[in-house]
Amino acid sequence: MYLSKLVIDFRKPKSIYQIHQDLWTLFPGQENKARDFLFRVEQQQAGVGATILMQSQIAPSMESEYIKLLGQREYSLPIHRHQRLRFLLVANPVKTIKDQRERKNKKGVIKSNRVPLIKQEDQQNWLERKLQPCAQLDSLLIRPCPPLYFYKKGGENAKGYGGKIVPVAFEGVLIVQETDMFINQVKQGVGPAKAFGCGLLSIARI
């Protein structure tokens, strides 16, 4: 795996999903393959740009006109069972509920909607479930993040659709329980909304 730090120059306003689309351009020939990178916006200034931390299975290609590479390194995971690690994760903790108006999709099945978890207790429980059985929490700090608004083309609505994500920053210490499963969790990311900058689990030795 590779960790890359990038800056995206904003010549025009960009949503978080447009940032995701820009990052795709760093992997030519991969457009029709499953996304194999995760990212997190570390800093963003309207009209100027955004600093991005990206984890990818292959090294990104040359810089583009709007994207500059600040640094890059190959990322190995020498992890052992019961190891304590510091972690940082911006995630989208949600629960799925049935559509209250019982609207149906094209297959005639009642639609499901994801709604954000607001209470910190629910957010912690969500994270614990996501990490089981590969890791357990030792300490945790939860911080709210600004909501993310987006517009995405496609789906059942030919004109596209808009939405809002309410991300949360989780920071603390975890204890690895199952090494291989934990490594896979780091590679795959945690929770939904990965195309919107959520799910990148950053870890560091204590």
N, C-alpha and C. Protein backbone atom coordinates (compact mmCIF):
# COMPACT_ATOMS: atom_id res chain seq x y z
N MET A 1 0.84 -1.20 0.00
CA MET A 1 0.00 0.00 0.00
C MET A 1 0.88 1.25 0.00
N TYR A 2 0.25 2.35 -0.35
CA TYR A 2 0.96 3.63 -0.40
C TYR A 2 0.15 4.69 0.34
N LEU A 3 0.87 5.56 1.04
CA LEU A 3 0.28 6.75 1.65
C LEU A 3 0.80 7.97 0.89
N SER A 4 -0.11 8.81 0.45
CA SER A 4 0.27 10.00 -0.32
C SER A 4 -0.38 11.23 0.29
N LYS A 5 0.37 12.32 0.31
CA LYS A 5 -0.18 13.61 0.74
C LYS A 5 -0.23 14.50 -0.49
N LEU A 6 -1.42 15.05 -0.74
CA LEU A 6 -1.66 15.80 -1.97
C LEU A 6 -2.32 17.13 -1.68
N VAL A 7 -2.18 18.03 -2.61
CA VAL A 7 -2.92 19.29 -2.57
C VAL A 7 -3.70 19.41 -3.87
N ILE A 8 -5.00 19.65 -3.75
CA ILE A 8 -5.85 19.90 -4.92
C ILE A 8 -6.12 21.39 -5.00
N ASP A 9 -5.74 21.98 -6.12
CA ASP A 9 -5.93 23.40 -6.36
C ASP A 9 -7.37 23.64 -6.83
N PHE A 10 -8.09 24.51 -6.14
CA PHE A 10 -9.49 24.79 -6.50
C PHE A 10 -9.54 25.97 -7.48
N ARG A 11 -9.60 25.67 -8.78
CA ARG A 11 -9.83 26.72 -9.77
C ARG A 11 -11.31 27.04 -9.87
N LYS A 12 -12.13 26.11 -9.37
CA LYS A 12 -13.57 26.32 -9.31
C LYS A 12 -14.08 25.61 -8.07
N PRO A 13 -15.26 25.98 -7.53
CA PRO A 13 -15.77 25.33 -6.32
C PRO A 13 -15.90 23.82 -6.52
N LYS A 14 -15.57 23.06 -5.47
CA LYS A 14 -15.62 21.60 -5.55
C LYS A 14 -16.35 21.04 -4.34
N SER A 15 -17.18 20.04 -4.60
CA SER A 15 -17.80 19.28 -3.52
C SER A 15 -16.87 18.13 -3.16
N ILE A 16 -17.19 17.45 -2.06
CA ILE A 16 -16.35 16.34 -1.64
C ILE A 16 -16.37 15.23 -2.68
N TYR A 17 -17.49 15.04 -3.37
CA TYR A 17 -17.55 13.99 -4.39
C TYR A 17 -16.72 14.36 -5.62
N GLN A 18 -16.65 15.65 -5.93
CA GLN A 18 -15.78 16.09 -7.03
C GLN A 18 -14.32 15.86 -6.70
N ILE A 19 -13.95 16.01 -5.42
CA ILE A 19 -12.58 15.71 -5.00
C ILE A 19 -12.29 14.23 -5.25
N HIS A 20 -13.25 13.38 -4.90
CA HIS A 20 -13.10 11.94 -5.15
C HIS A 20 -12.88 11.67 -6.64
N GLN A 21 -13.65 12.33 -7.50
CA GLN A 21 -13.50 12.15 -8.94
C GLN A 21 -12.13 12.62 -9.42
N ASP A 22 -11.64 13.72 -8.85
CA ASP A 22 -10.30 14.21 -9.21
C ASP A 22 -9.22 13.19 -8.85
N LEU A 23 -9.36 12.56 -7.69
CA LEU A 23 -8.36 11.58 -7.27
C LEU A 23 -8.35 10.37 -8.20
N TRP A 24 -9.49 10.01 -8.76
CA TRP A 24 -9.55 8.91 -9.72
C TRP A 24 -8.60 9.14 -10.88
N THR A 25 -8.40 10.41 -11.27
CA THR A 25 -7.55 10.71 -12.43
C THR A 25 -6.10 10.35 -12.19
N LEU A 26 -5.72 10.11 -10.94
CA LEU A 26 -4.33 9.73 -10.64
C LEU A 26 -4.08 8.25 -10.89
N PHE A 27 -5.14 7.52 -11.28
CA PHE A 27 -5.01 6.08 -11.53
C PHE A 27 -5.54 5.76 -12.94
N PRO A 28 -4.85 6.21 -13.97
CA PRO A 28 -5.32 5.97 -15.34
C PRO A 28 -5.41 4.47 -15.63
N GLY A 29 -6.47 4.09 -16.36
CA GLY A 29 -6.68 2.68 -16.68
C GLY A 29 -7.45 1.93 -15.62
N GLN A 30 -7.77 2.60 -14.50
CA GLN A 30 -8.48 1.95 -13.40
C GLN A 30 -9.94 2.39 -13.32
N GLU A 31 -10.41 3.15 -14.32
CA GLU A 31 -11.73 3.78 -14.23
C GLU A 31 -12.86 2.76 -14.06
N ASN A 32 -12.72 1.59 -14.68
CA ASN A 32 -13.80 0.59 -14.64
C ASN A 32 -13.57 -0.47 -13.57
N LYS A 33 -12.57 -0.28 -12.75
CA LYS A 33 -12.30 -1.23 -11.67
C LYS A 33 -12.85 -0.70 -10.35
N ALA A 34 -12.95 -1.59 -9.38
CA ALA A 34 -13.41 -1.16 -8.05
C ALA A 34 -12.41 -0.18 -7.45
N ARG A 35 -12.93 0.82 -6.75
CA ARG A 35 -12.04 1.80 -6.13
C ARG A 35 -11.14 1.10 -5.11
N ASP A 36 -9.84 1.33 -5.21
CA ASP A 36 -8.92 0.73 -4.25
C ASP A 36 -8.11 1.79 -3.51
N PHE A 37 -8.74 2.98 -3.33
CA PHE A 37 -8.09 4.00 -2.53
C PHE A 37 -9.08 4.60 -1.55
N LEU A 38 -8.55 5.08 -0.44
CA LEU A 38 -9.31 5.79 0.58
C LEU A 38 -8.66 7.14 0.77
N PHE A 39 -9.45 8.13 1.19
CA PHE A 39 -8.85 9.44 1.39
C PHE A 39 -9.56 10.19 2.51
N ARG A 40 -8.88 11.20 3.00
CA ARG A 40 -9.45 12.07 4.03
C ARG A 40 -8.97 13.50 3.75
N VAL A 41 -9.89 14.44 3.81
CA VAL A 41 -9.53 15.85 3.66
C VAL A 41 -8.95 16.33 4.99
N GLU A 42 -7.68 16.68 4.98
CA GLU A 42 -7.01 17.12 6.20
C GLU A 42 -7.24 18.61 6.47
N GLN A 43 -7.30 19.38 5.38
CA GLN A 43 -7.49 20.83 5.51
C GLN A 43 -8.10 21.34 4.21
N GLN A 44 -9.01 22.29 4.33
CA GLN A 44 -9.67 22.81 3.13
C GLN A 44 -9.95 24.29 3.30
N GLN A 45 -9.68 25.05 2.24
CA GLN A 45 -9.95 26.48 2.25
C GLN A 45 -10.68 26.84 0.97
N ALA A 46 -11.87 27.41 1.11
CA ALA A 46 -12.71 27.73 -0.04
C ALA A 46 -11.97 28.63 -1.02
N GLY A 47 -12.03 28.28 -2.29
CA GLY A 47 -11.40 29.09 -3.33
C GLY A 47 -9.91 28.90 -3.45
N VAL A 48 -9.31 28.14 -2.55
CA VAL A 48 -7.85 27.93 -2.57
C VAL A 48 -7.52 26.48 -2.89
N GLY A 49 -7.97 25.58 -2.03
CA GLY A 49 -7.68 24.17 -2.27
C GLY A 49 -7.83 23.33 -1.03
N ALA A 50 -7.44 22.06 -1.16
CA ALA A 50 -7.58 21.11 -0.06
C ALA A 50 -6.33 20.24 0.03
N THR A 51 -5.93 19.94 1.26
CA THR A 51 -4.85 19.00 1.52
C THR A 51 -5.47 17.64 1.80
N ILE A 52 -5.00 16.62 1.10
CA ILE A 52 -5.61 15.30 1.13
C ILE A 52 -4.59 14.26 1.59
N LEU A 53 -5.01 13.35 2.47
CA LEU A 53 -4.24 12.15 2.79
C LEU A 53 -4.93 10.99 2.09
N MET A 54 -4.18 10.25 1.28
CA MET A 54 -4.77 9.17 0.50
C MET A 54 -4.00 7.86 0.72
N GLN A 55 -4.73 6.78 0.92
CA GLN A 55 -4.17 5.44 1.03
C GLN A 55 -4.61 4.65 -0.20
N SER A 56 -3.67 4.04 -0.90
CA SER A 56 -4.01 3.33 -2.13
C SER A 56 -3.21 2.03 -2.26
N GLN A 57 -3.78 1.09 -3.00
CA GLN A 57 -3.12 -0.19 -3.21
C GLN A 57 -1.98 -0.08 -4.21
N ILE A 58 -2.08 0.85 -5.14
CA ILE A 58 -0.99 1.10 -6.08
C ILE A 58 -0.60 2.57 -5.98
N ALA A 59 0.61 2.87 -6.42
CA ALA A 59 1.08 4.25 -6.34
C ALA A 59 0.34 5.11 -7.35
N PRO A 60 -0.09 6.31 -6.97
CA PRO A 60 -0.73 7.21 -7.94
C PRO A 60 0.27 7.61 -9.02
N SER A 61 -0.27 7.99 -10.17
CA SER A 61 0.58 8.35 -11.30
C SER A 61 1.10 9.78 -11.13
N MET A 62 1.60 10.31 -12.19
CA MET A 62 2.16 11.66 -12.18
C MET A 62 1.10 12.67 -11.73
N GLU A 63 1.57 13.80 -11.25
CA GLU A 63 0.67 14.87 -10.84
C GLU A 63 -0.12 15.38 -12.04
N SER A 64 -1.27 15.97 -11.76
CA SER A 64 -2.06 16.59 -12.82
C SER A 64 -1.96 18.12 -12.69
N GLU A 65 -2.66 18.80 -13.56
CA GLU A 65 -2.60 20.27 -13.54
C GLU A 65 -3.10 20.83 -12.22
N TYR A 66 -4.08 20.14 -11.62
CA TYR A 66 -4.72 20.67 -10.42
C TYR A 66 -4.31 19.93 -9.14
N ILE A 67 -3.55 18.85 -9.28
CA ILE A 67 -3.19 18.06 -8.10
C ILE A 67 -1.68 17.98 -7.98
N LYS A 68 -1.16 18.36 -6.82
CA LYS A 68 0.28 18.33 -6.57
C LYS A 68 0.58 17.33 -5.45
N LEU A 69 1.62 16.54 -5.67
CA LEU A 69 2.04 15.54 -4.69
C LEU A 69 3.05 16.15 -3.74
N LEU A 70 2.71 16.17 -2.44
CA LEU A 70 3.62 16.73 -1.42
C LEU A 70 4.56 15.67 -0.87
N GLY A 71 4.12 14.43 -0.83
CA GLY A 71 4.94 13.36 -0.29
C GLY A 71 4.27 12.02 -0.48
N GLN A 72 5.10 10.96 -0.47
CA GLN A 72 4.56 9.63 -0.66
C GLN A 72 5.51 8.60 -0.07
N ARG A 73 4.95 7.55 0.50
CA ARG A 73 5.78 6.45 1.00
C ARG A 73 5.00 5.15 0.93
N GLU A 74 5.77 4.06 0.79
CA GLU A 74 5.16 2.75 0.82
C GLU A 74 4.76 2.44 2.25
N TYR A 75 3.62 1.82 2.42
CA TYR A 75 2.99 1.68 3.73
C TYR A 75 2.83 0.20 4.04
N SER A 76 3.63 -0.29 4.98
CA SER A 76 3.51 -1.68 5.41
C SER A 76 2.81 -1.74 6.77
N LEU A 77 2.30 -2.91 7.11
CA LEU A 77 1.54 -3.06 8.35
C LEU A 77 2.12 -4.19 9.20
N PRO A 78 3.27 -3.97 9.85
CA PRO A 78 3.83 -4.98 10.74
C PRO A 78 3.11 -4.98 12.09
N ILE A 79 1.97 -5.63 12.12
CA ILE A 79 1.09 -5.58 13.29
C ILE A 79 1.03 -6.95 13.94
N HIS A 80 0.96 -6.98 15.27
CA HIS A 80 0.84 -8.26 15.97
C HIS A 80 -0.35 -8.23 16.93
N ARG A 81 -0.78 -9.39 17.32
CA ARG A 81 -1.95 -9.51 18.19
C ARG A 81 -1.68 -8.85 19.55
N HIS A 82 -2.69 -8.20 20.08
CA HIS A 82 -2.68 -7.49 21.36
C HIS A 82 -1.83 -6.22 21.31
N GLN A 83 -1.44 -5.80 20.13
CA GLN A 83 -0.71 -4.55 20.00
C GLN A 83 -1.66 -3.37 20.20
N ARG A 84 -1.19 -2.36 20.93
CA ARG A 84 -1.96 -1.14 21.14
C ARG A 84 -1.52 -0.10 20.11
N LEU A 85 -2.49 0.51 19.46
CA LEU A 85 -2.21 1.47 18.40
C LEU A 85 -3.06 2.73 18.58
N ARG A 86 -2.45 3.87 18.34
CA ARG A 86 -3.24 5.10 18.24
C ARG A 86 -3.97 5.09 16.89
N PHE A 87 -5.15 5.67 16.86
CA PHE A 87 -5.87 5.69 15.60
C PHE A 87 -6.65 6.99 15.43
N LEU A 88 -6.89 7.32 14.17
CA LEU A 88 -7.74 8.45 13.79
C LEU A 88 -8.61 7.98 12.64
N LEU A 89 -9.91 8.25 12.75
CA LEU A 89 -10.86 7.82 11.74
C LEU A 89 -11.96 8.87 11.60
N VAL A 90 -12.15 9.36 10.39
CA VAL A 90 -13.34 10.16 10.08
C VAL A 90 -14.32 9.22 9.38
N ALA A 91 -15.48 9.02 9.97
CA ALA A 91 -16.41 8.01 9.47
C ALA A 91 -17.82 8.59 9.42
N ASN A 92 -18.71 7.79 8.84
CA ASN A 92 -20.11 8.18 8.67
C ASN A 92 -20.99 7.17 9.41
N PRO A 93 -21.11 7.30 10.74
CA PRO A 93 -21.92 6.33 11.49
C PRO A 93 -23.41 6.51 11.21
N VAL A 94 -24.04 5.47 10.70
CA VAL A 94 -25.45 5.56 10.31
C VAL A 94 -26.18 4.29 10.74
N LYS A 95 -27.50 4.37 10.67
CA LYS A 95 -28.34 3.18 10.79
C LYS A 95 -29.29 3.18 9.60
N THR A 96 -29.79 2.02 9.23
CA THR A 96 -30.67 1.87 8.08
C THR A 96 -32.10 1.66 8.55
N ILE A 97 -33.02 2.46 8.01
CA ILE A 97 -34.43 2.32 8.36
C ILE A 97 -35.26 2.21 7.08
N LYS A 98 -36.44 1.63 7.19
CA LYS A 98 -37.35 1.53 6.06
C LYS A 98 -37.95 2.91 5.76
N ASP A 99 -38.18 3.17 4.49
CA ASP A 99 -38.77 4.43 4.08
C ASP A 99 -40.14 4.59 4.75
N GLN A 100 -40.33 5.71 5.46
CA GLN A 100 -41.57 5.92 6.21
C GLN A 100 -42.79 6.04 5.31
N ARG A 101 -42.59 6.48 4.07
CA ARG A 101 -43.71 6.60 3.13
C ARG A 101 -43.86 5.32 2.29
N GLU A 102 -43.05 4.32 2.62
CA GLU A 102 -43.10 3.01 1.97
C GLU A 102 -42.95 3.11 0.44
N ARG A 103 -42.12 4.04 0.00
CA ARG A 103 -41.82 4.12 -1.43
C ARG A 103 -41.01 2.89 -1.83
N LYS A 104 -41.19 2.46 -3.07
CA LYS A 104 -40.55 1.23 -3.53
C LYS A 104 -39.54 1.53 -4.63
N ASN A 105 -38.52 0.67 -4.72
CA ASN A 105 -37.55 0.80 -5.80
C ASN A 105 -38.06 0.08 -7.05
N LYS A 106 -37.21 0.00 -8.08
CA LYS A 106 -37.63 -0.60 -9.35
C LYS A 106 -37.98 -2.07 -9.21
N LYS A 107 -37.45 -2.72 -8.19
CA LYS A 107 -37.74 -4.14 -7.97
C LYS A 107 -38.99 -4.37 -7.13
N GLY A 108 -39.66 -3.28 -6.73
CA GLY A 108 -40.87 -3.39 -5.93
C GLY A 108 -40.63 -3.58 -4.45
N VAL A 109 -39.39 -3.38 -4.01
CA VAL A 109 -39.04 -3.52 -2.60
C VAL A 109 -39.05 -2.15 -1.94
N ILE A 110 -39.60 -2.07 -0.73
CA ILE A 110 -39.63 -0.80 -0.01
C ILE A 110 -38.20 -0.30 0.20
N LYS A 111 -37.98 0.95 -0.13
CA LYS A 111 -36.65 1.54 -0.04
C LYS A 111 -36.17 1.61 1.41
N SER A 112 -34.86 1.57 1.56
CA SER A 112 -34.24 1.79 2.87
C SER A 112 -33.45 3.09 2.83
N ASN A 113 -33.43 3.78 3.93
CA ASN A 113 -32.71 5.04 4.04
C ASN A 113 -31.68 4.97 5.16
N ARG A 114 -30.54 5.54 4.91
CA ARG A 114 -29.53 5.67 5.96
C ARG A 114 -29.72 6.99 6.68
N VAL A 115 -29.75 6.93 8.00
CA VAL A 115 -29.88 8.15 8.80
C VAL A 115 -28.69 8.21 9.77
N PRO A 116 -28.17 9.41 10.03
CA PRO A 116 -26.99 9.52 10.88
C PRO A 116 -27.30 9.22 12.34
N LEU A 117 -26.32 8.67 13.02
CA LEU A 117 -26.40 8.47 14.47
C LEU A 117 -25.88 9.74 15.14
N ILE A 118 -26.68 10.32 16.00
CA ILE A 118 -26.36 11.63 16.58
C ILE A 118 -25.75 11.51 17.99
N LYS A 119 -26.28 10.59 18.80
CA LYS A 119 -25.81 10.46 20.16
C LYS A 119 -24.43 9.80 20.19
N GLN A 120 -23.55 10.30 21.06
CA GLN A 120 -22.20 9.75 21.13
C GLN A 120 -22.19 8.29 21.55
N GLU A 121 -23.12 7.91 22.41
CA GLU A 121 -23.20 6.51 22.82
C GLU A 121 -23.49 5.61 21.62
N ASP A 122 -24.41 6.05 20.77
CA ASP A 122 -24.73 5.27 19.56
C ASP A 122 -23.55 5.25 18.59
N GLN A 123 -22.86 6.36 18.48
CA GLN A 123 -21.69 6.43 17.60
C GLN A 123 -20.58 5.49 18.08
N GLN A 124 -20.35 5.45 19.39
CA GLN A 124 -19.34 4.55 19.94
C GLN A 124 -19.74 3.09 19.71
N ASN A 125 -20.99 2.77 19.95
CA ASN A 125 -21.47 1.40 19.72
C ASN A 125 -21.30 1.00 18.26
N TRP A 126 -21.57 1.93 17.36
CA TRP A 126 -21.40 1.67 15.92
C TRP A 126 -19.95 1.32 15.61
N LEU A 127 -19.02 2.12 16.15
CA LEU A 127 -17.60 1.88 15.89
C LEU A 127 -17.16 0.54 16.47
N GLU A 128 -17.61 0.24 17.67
CA GLU A 128 -17.24 -1.04 18.29
C GLU A 128 -17.72 -2.21 17.44
N ARG A 129 -18.93 -2.11 16.89
CA ARG A 129 -19.44 -3.17 16.03
C ARG A 129 -18.61 -3.30 14.75
N LYS A 130 -18.21 -2.18 14.19
CA LYS A 130 -17.43 -2.21 12.96
C LYS A 130 -16.05 -2.84 13.17
N LEU A 131 -15.48 -2.65 14.35
CA LEU A 131 -14.14 -3.16 14.62
C LEU A 131 -14.14 -4.61 15.09
N GLN A 132 -15.28 -5.10 15.57
CA GLN A 132 -15.34 -6.49 16.04
C GLN A 132 -15.24 -7.44 14.85
N PRO A 133 -14.56 -8.60 15.02
CA PRO A 133 -13.80 -9.01 16.21
C PRO A 133 -12.31 -8.73 16.08
N CYS A 134 -11.92 -7.86 15.12
CA CYS A 134 -10.49 -7.68 14.85
C CYS A 134 -9.79 -6.74 15.83
N ALA A 135 -10.55 -5.88 16.52
CA ALA A 135 -9.93 -4.94 17.46
C ALA A 135 -10.97 -4.49 18.47
N GLN A 136 -10.48 -4.02 19.61
CA GLN A 136 -11.36 -3.45 20.62
C GLN A 136 -10.82 -2.09 21.05
N LEU A 137 -11.72 -1.24 21.47
CA LEU A 137 -11.34 0.11 21.87
C LEU A 137 -10.74 0.11 23.27
N ASP A 138 -9.67 0.87 23.43
CA ASP A 138 -9.07 1.07 24.75
C ASP A 138 -9.41 2.46 25.28
N SER A 139 -9.38 3.45 24.41
CA SER A 139 -9.82 4.81 24.77
C SER A 139 -10.37 5.46 23.51
N LEU A 140 -11.27 6.43 23.71
CA LEU A 140 -11.93 7.03 22.55
C LEU A 140 -12.36 8.46 22.83
N LEU A 141 -12.08 9.33 21.85
CA LEU A 141 -12.58 10.71 21.83
C LEU A 141 -13.38 10.88 20.56
N ILE A 142 -14.60 11.41 20.68
CA ILE A 142 -15.47 11.61 19.53
C ILE A 142 -15.69 13.10 19.31
N ARG A 143 -15.45 13.55 18.08
CA ARG A 143 -15.65 14.96 17.74
C ARG A 143 -16.55 15.08 16.52
N PRO A 144 -17.54 15.96 16.55
CA PRO A 144 -18.37 16.17 15.36
C PRO A 144 -17.58 16.89 14.28
N CYS A 145 -17.91 16.63 13.03
CA CYS A 145 -17.31 17.31 11.88
C CYS A 145 -18.40 18.10 11.15
N PRO A 146 -18.03 19.11 10.39
CA PRO A 146 -19.04 19.84 9.62
C PRO A 146 -19.74 18.91 8.64
N PRO A 147 -21.03 19.09 8.43
CA PRO A 147 -21.74 18.24 7.46
C PRO A 147 -21.22 18.45 6.05
N LEU A 148 -21.33 17.41 5.23
CA LEU A 148 -20.88 17.45 3.85
C LEU A 148 -22.10 17.37 2.93
N TYR A 149 -22.20 18.32 2.02
CA TYR A 149 -23.30 18.33 1.05
C TYR A 149 -22.75 17.91 -0.31
N PHE A 150 -23.55 17.16 -1.06
CA PHE A 150 -23.07 16.68 -2.34
C PHE A 150 -24.21 16.56 -3.34
N TYR A 151 -23.80 16.49 -4.59
CA TYR A 151 -24.73 16.18 -5.69
C TYR A 151 -24.09 15.11 -6.53
N LYS A 152 -24.82 14.04 -6.81
CA LYS A 152 -24.27 12.89 -7.52
C LYS A 152 -25.18 12.53 -8.68
N LYS A 153 -24.59 12.38 -9.86
CA LYS A 153 -25.36 11.98 -11.04
C LYS A 153 -25.63 10.48 -11.01
N GLY A 154 -26.73 10.08 -11.68
CA GLY A 154 -27.02 8.66 -11.80
C GLY A 154 -28.03 8.21 -10.77
N GLY A 155 -28.12 6.90 -10.57
CA GLY A 155 -29.10 6.34 -9.66
C GLY A 155 -30.46 6.23 -10.31
N GLU A 156 -31.49 6.04 -9.51
CA GLU A 156 -32.84 5.88 -10.06
C GLU A 156 -33.38 7.18 -10.63
N ASN A 157 -32.89 8.30 -10.14
CA ASN A 157 -33.31 9.60 -10.65
C ASN A 157 -32.36 10.00 -11.78
N ALA A 158 -32.89 10.13 -13.00
CA ALA A 158 -32.04 10.42 -14.16
C ALA A 158 -31.31 11.75 -14.01
N LYS A 159 -31.88 12.67 -13.24
CA LYS A 159 -31.26 13.97 -13.06
C LYS A 159 -30.21 13.96 -11.95
N GLY A 160 -30.06 12.84 -11.29
CA GLY A 160 -29.13 12.78 -10.17
C GLY A 160 -29.83 13.10 -8.86
N TYR A 161 -29.07 13.18 -7.81
CA TYR A 161 -29.67 13.45 -6.50
C TYR A 161 -28.64 14.12 -5.59
N GLY A 162 -29.16 14.86 -4.64
CA GLY A 162 -28.30 15.52 -3.66
C GLY A 162 -28.47 14.87 -2.29
N GLY A 163 -27.58 15.18 -1.40
CA GLY A 163 -27.67 14.60 -0.08
C GLY A 163 -26.72 15.28 0.89
N LYS A 164 -26.78 14.79 2.11
CA LYS A 164 -25.94 15.33 3.18
C LYS A 164 -25.38 14.18 4.00
N ILE A 165 -24.11 14.30 4.36
CA ILE A 165 -23.44 13.32 5.23
C ILE A 165 -23.02 14.04 6.49
N VAL A 166 -23.18 13.38 7.63
CA VAL A 166 -22.80 13.97 8.92
C VAL A 166 -21.64 13.16 9.49
N PRO A 167 -20.41 13.46 9.09
CA PRO A 167 -19.27 12.67 9.55
C PRO A 167 -18.88 12.96 10.99
N VAL A 168 -18.15 12.02 11.55
CA VAL A 168 -17.68 12.10 12.93
C VAL A 168 -16.21 11.71 12.96
N ALA A 169 -15.41 12.39 13.77
CA ALA A 169 -14.00 12.04 13.94
C ALA A 169 -13.85 11.20 15.21
N PHE A 170 -13.31 10.00 15.05
CA PHE A 170 -13.00 9.11 16.17
C PHE A 170 -11.47 9.10 16.36
N GLU A 171 -11.05 9.29 17.59
CA GLU A 171 -9.62 9.30 17.87
C GLU A 171 -9.37 8.62 19.20
N GLY A 172 -8.32 7.81 19.29
CA GLY A 172 -8.04 7.14 20.55
C GLY A 172 -7.02 6.04 20.40
N VAL A 173 -7.19 5.00 21.21
CA VAL A 173 -6.29 3.85 21.22
C VAL A 173 -7.12 2.58 21.08
N LEU A 174 -6.65 1.68 20.24
CA LEU A 174 -7.31 0.38 20.09
C LEU A 174 -6.31 -0.74 20.34
N ILE A 175 -6.85 -1.93 20.56
CA ILE A 175 -6.03 -3.12 20.79
C ILE A 175 -6.38 -4.15 19.72
N VAL A 176 -5.37 -4.59 18.99
CA VAL A 176 -5.58 -5.55 17.91
C VAL A 176 -5.88 -6.93 18.50
N GLN A 177 -6.95 -7.56 17.99
CA GLN A 177 -7.34 -8.89 18.47
C GLN A 177 -7.06 -9.97 17.43
N GLU A 178 -7.36 -9.70 16.17
CA GLU A 178 -7.13 -10.65 15.08
C GLU A 178 -6.33 -9.93 14.00
N THR A 179 -5.06 -10.29 13.85
CA THR A 179 -4.14 -9.52 13.01
C THR A 179 -4.58 -9.43 11.56
N ASP A 180 -4.84 -10.58 10.92
CA ASP A 180 -5.17 -10.58 9.49
C ASP A 180 -6.48 -9.82 9.23
N MET A 181 -7.45 -10.03 10.08
CA MET A 181 -8.73 -9.35 9.91
C MET A 181 -8.56 -7.84 10.08
N PHE A 182 -7.71 -7.44 11.02
CA PHE A 182 -7.49 -6.01 11.24
C PHE A 182 -6.80 -5.37 10.04
N ILE A 183 -5.80 -6.05 9.48
CA ILE A 183 -5.11 -5.52 8.31
C ILE A 183 -6.09 -5.35 7.15
N ASN A 184 -6.97 -6.33 6.95
CA ASN A 184 -7.98 -6.21 5.91
C ASN A 184 -8.92 -5.04 6.17
N GLN A 185 -9.24 -4.80 7.44
CA GLN A 185 -10.11 -3.68 7.79
C GLN A 185 -9.44 -2.36 7.44
N VAL A 186 -8.15 -2.25 7.71
CA VAL A 186 -7.41 -1.03 7.36
C VAL A 186 -7.42 -0.83 5.85
N LYS A 187 -7.21 -1.90 5.10
CA LYS A 187 -7.18 -1.80 3.64
C LYS A 187 -8.53 -1.42 3.06
N GLN A 188 -9.60 -1.98 3.62
CA GLN A 188 -10.95 -1.77 3.08
C GLN A 188 -11.60 -0.49 3.57
N GLY A 189 -11.17 0.00 4.74
CA GLY A 189 -11.80 1.16 5.33
C GLY A 189 -12.98 0.78 6.21
N VAL A 190 -13.50 1.76 6.93
CA VAL A 190 -14.53 1.51 7.93
C VAL A 190 -15.80 2.29 7.59
N GLY A 191 -16.90 1.57 7.42
CA GLY A 191 -18.19 2.22 7.25
C GLY A 191 -18.46 2.70 5.84
N PRO A 192 -19.62 3.34 5.62
CA PRO A 192 -20.01 3.83 4.30
C PRO A 192 -19.42 5.20 3.99
N ALA A 193 -19.77 5.71 2.80
CA ALA A 193 -19.40 7.06 2.33
C ALA A 193 -17.91 7.21 2.07
N LYS A 194 -17.28 6.15 1.59
CA LYS A 194 -15.84 6.23 1.31
C LYS A 194 -15.56 7.16 0.13
N ALA A 195 -16.52 7.29 -0.79
CA ALA A 195 -16.35 8.22 -1.90
C ALA A 195 -16.46 9.67 -1.46
N PHE A 196 -16.81 9.88 -0.19
CA PHE A 196 -16.97 11.23 0.35
C PHE A 196 -15.95 11.52 1.45
N GLY A 197 -14.84 10.81 1.41
CA GLY A 197 -13.74 11.10 2.33
C GLY A 197 -13.86 10.45 3.69
N CYS A 198 -14.71 9.44 3.83
CA CYS A 198 -14.87 8.74 5.10
C CYS A 198 -14.23 7.34 5.01
N GLY A 199 -13.87 6.80 6.18
CA GLY A 199 -13.46 5.41 6.24
C GLY A 199 -11.99 5.13 6.36
N LEU A 200 -11.12 6.11 6.12
CA LEU A 200 -9.67 5.89 6.20
C LEU A 200 -9.25 5.77 7.67
N LEU A 201 -8.79 4.60 8.06
CA LEU A 201 -8.37 4.32 9.43
C LEU A 201 -6.86 4.50 9.52
N SER A 202 -6.43 5.62 10.07
CA SER A 202 -5.00 5.90 10.24
C SER A 202 -4.53 5.36 11.59
N ILE A 203 -3.41 4.64 11.60
CA ILE A 203 -2.91 4.04 12.83
C ILE A 203 -1.44 4.40 13.02
N ALA A 204 -1.00 4.36 14.27
CA ALA A 204 0.40 4.65 14.60
C ALA A 204 0.76 3.89 15.87
N ARG A 205 2.02 3.50 15.94
CA ARG A 205 2.50 2.80 17.13
C ARG A 205 2.50 3.74 18.34
N ILE A 206 2.34 3.18 19.51
CA ILE A 206 2.40 3.94 20.76
C ILE A 206 3.82 3.84 21.32
